[in-house]
Amino acid sequence: MRNKENLLAEALDLPEHERAHLAHELLLSLDEEGTESAEQVLSAWTGELTRRLQDVREGKVPLVELDEVELHVAQRLAAVRR
């Protein structure tokens, strides 16, 4: 039988998409009875993304250029690291 370290090493050698799928399946295995199913979570996120897209299309939210976001994030990280 494999030990945890060998299993982890094998998993980390998988391609990124296979690691993501494995992580997803492991997280689902931790799901307790009575919690939301993957389909319910997907449905909730789909609704949220649809609402946000509609807000963008209707001009309800400002769009920010990537360069501006990157600068803001870099500044905040620098402040936290001090």
C-alpha atoms as a PDB file:
ATOM      1  CA  MET A   1       0.000   0.000   0.000  1.00  0.00           C
ATOM      2  CA  ARG A   2       1.205   3.508  -0.814  1.00  0.00           C
ATOM      3  CA  ASN A   3       1.987   5.916   1.972  1.00  0.00           C
ATOM      4  CA  LYS A   4       0.708   9.502   1.973  1.00  0.00           C
ATOM      5  CA  GLU A   5       4.034  10.979   0.865  1.00  0.00           C
ATOM      6  CA  ASN A   6       4.296   8.668  -2.169  1.00  0.00           C
ATOM      7  CA  LEU A   7       0.694   9.290  -3.100  1.00  0.00           C
ATOM      8  CA  LEU A   8       1.183  13.058  -2.830  1.00  0.00           C
ATOM      9  CA  ALA A   9       4.362  12.924  -4.915  1.00  0.00           C
ATOM     10  CA  GLU A  10       2.527  10.960  -7.610  1.00  0.00           C
ATOM     11  CA  ALA A  11      -0.374  13.395  -7.556  1.00  0.00           C
ATOM     12  CA  LEU A  12       1.949  16.401  -7.853  1.00  0.00           C
ATOM     13  CA  ASP A  13       3.521  14.840 -10.948  1.00  0.00           C
ATOM     14  CA  LEU A  14       0.162  14.857 -12.747  1.00  0.00           C
ATOM     15  CA  PRO A  15      -0.583  17.536 -15.354  1.00  0.00           C
ATOM     16  CA  GLU A  16      -2.326  20.610 -13.961  1.00  0.00           C
ATOM     17  CA  HIS A  17      -5.790  19.746 -15.279  1.00  0.00           C
ATOM     18  CA  GLU A  18      -5.579  16.246 -13.779  1.00  0.00           C
ATOM     19  CA  ARG A  19      -4.427  17.666 -10.410  1.00  0.00           C
ATOM     20  CA  ALA A  20      -7.377  20.071 -10.491  1.00  0.00           C
ATOM     21  CA  HIS A  21      -9.784  17.227 -11.204  1.00  0.00           C
ATOM     22  CA  LEU A  22      -8.253  15.118  -8.425  1.00  0.00           C
ATOM     23  CA  ALA A  23      -8.463  18.029  -5.976  1.00  0.00           C
ATOM     24  CA  HIS A  24     -12.098  18.567  -6.942  1.00  0.00           C
ATOM     25  CA  GLU A  25     -12.936  14.907  -6.354  1.00  0.00           C
ATOM     26  CA  LEU A  26     -11.123  14.906  -3.003  1.00  0.00           C
ATOM     27  CA  LEU A  27     -13.008  17.998  -1.880  1.00  0.00           C
ATOM     28  CA  LEU A  28     -16.297  16.421  -2.914  1.00  0.00           C
ATOM     29  CA  SER A  29     -15.402  13.364  -0.855  1.00  0.00           C
ATOM     30  CA  LEU A  30     -15.250  15.604   2.231  1.00  0.00           C
ATOM     31  CA  ASP A  31     -18.748  16.857   1.578  1.00  0.00           C
ATOM     32  CA  GLU A  32     -21.019  16.014   4.480  1.00  0.00           C
ATOM     33  CA  GLU A  33     -24.609  14.952   4.088  1.00  0.00           C
ATOM     34  CA  GLY A  34     -26.939  17.907   3.937  1.00  0.00           C
ATOM     35  CA  THR A  35     -24.480  20.267   2.265  1.00  0.00           C
ATOM     36  CA  GLU A  36     -24.897  21.591  -1.229  1.00  0.00           C
ATOM     37  CA  SER A  37     -24.241  19.264  -4.137  1.00  0.00           C
ATOM     38  CA  ALA A  38     -21.802  20.155  -6.895  1.00  0.00           C
ATOM     39  CA  GLU A  39     -24.788  20.853  -9.148  1.00  0.00           C
ATOM     40  CA  GLN A  40     -26.252  23.290  -6.610  1.00  0.00           C
ATOM     41  CA  VAL A  41     -22.930  25.097  -6.274  1.00  0.00           C
ATOM     42  CA  LEU A  42     -22.550  25.273 -10.055  1.00  0.00           C
ATOM     43  CA  SER A  43     -26.081  26.612 -10.372  1.00  0.00           C
ATOM     44  CA  ALA A  44     -25.444  29.267  -7.725  1.00  0.00           C
ATOM     45  CA  TRP A  45     -22.203  30.392  -9.388  1.00  0.00           C
ATOM     46  CA  THR A  46     -23.864  30.432 -12.810  1.00  0.00           C
ATOM     47  CA  GLY A  47     -26.563  32.716 -11.433  1.00  0.00           C
ATOM     48  CA  GLU A  48     -23.990  34.999  -9.805  1.00  0.00           C
ATOM     49  CA  LEU A  49     -21.903  35.233 -12.979  1.00  0.00           C
ATOM     50  CA  THR A  50     -25.010  35.926 -15.070  1.00  0.00           C
ATOM     51  CA  ARG A  51     -26.012  38.739 -12.691  1.00  0.00           C
ATOM     52  CA  ARG A  52     -22.510  40.241 -12.760  1.00  0.00           C
ATOM     53  CA  LEU A  53     -22.339  40.076 -16.562  1.00  0.00           C
ATOM     54  CA  GLN A  54     -25.704  41.820 -16.787  1.00  0.00           C
ATOM     55  CA  ASP A  55     -24.420  44.552 -14.419  1.00  0.00           C
ATOM     56  CA  VAL A  56     -21.398  45.095 -16.683  1.00  0.00           C
ATOM     57  CA  ARG A  57     -23.516  45.208 -19.834  1.00  0.00           C
ATOM     58  CA  GLU A  58     -25.884  47.723 -18.238  1.00  0.00           C
ATOM     59  CA  GLY A  59     -22.995  49.928 -17.102  1.00  0.00           C
ATOM     60  CA  LYS A  60     -23.802  49.460 -13.411  1.00  0.00           C
ATOM     61  CA  VAL A  61     -20.198  48.641 -12.509  1.00  0.00           C
ATOM     62  CA  PRO A  62     -16.999  50.360 -13.579  1.00  0.00           C
ATOM     63  CA  LEU A  63     -14.480  48.393 -15.613  1.00  0.00           C
ATOM     64  CA  VAL A  64     -10.837  48.655 -14.579  1.00  0.00           C
ATOM     65  CA  GLU A  65      -7.844  48.143 -16.872  1.00  0.00           C
ATOM     66  CA  LEU A  66      -5.603  45.183 -15.999  1.00  0.00           C
ATOM     67  CA  ASP A  67      -2.533  47.412 -15.582  1.00  0.00           C
ATOM     68  CA  GLU A  68      -4.365  49.459 -12.959  1.00  0.00           C
ATOM     69  CA  VAL A  69      -5.462  46.322 -11.079  1.00  0.00           C
ATOM     70  CA  GLU A  70      -1.933  44.894 -11.132  1.00  0.00           C
ATOM     71  CA  LEU A  71      -0.507  48.152  -9.760  1.00  0.00           C
ATOM     72  CA  HIS A  72      -3.118  48.275  -7.004  1.00  0.00           C
ATOM     73  CA  VAL A  73      -2.470  44.646  -6.009  1.00  0.00           C
ATOM     74  CA  ALA A  74       1.306  45.194  -6.009  1.00  0.00           C
ATOM     75  CA  GLN A  75       0.915  48.249  -3.776  1.00  0.00           C
ATOM     76  CA  ARG A  76      -1.326  46.395  -1.321  1.00  0.00           C
ATOM     77  CA  LEU A  77       1.037  43.419  -1.188  1.00  0.00           C
ATOM     78  CA  ALA A  78       3.995  45.711  -0.566  1.00  0.00           C
ATOM     79  CA  ALA A  79       2.127  47.381   2.296  1.00  0.00           C
ATOM     80  CA  VAL A  80       1.276  44.014   3.863  1.00  0.00           C
ATOM     81  CA  ARG A  81       4.853  42.758   3.599  1.00  0.00           C
ATOM     82  CA  ARG A  82       6.307  45.726   5.471  1.00  0.00           C
END
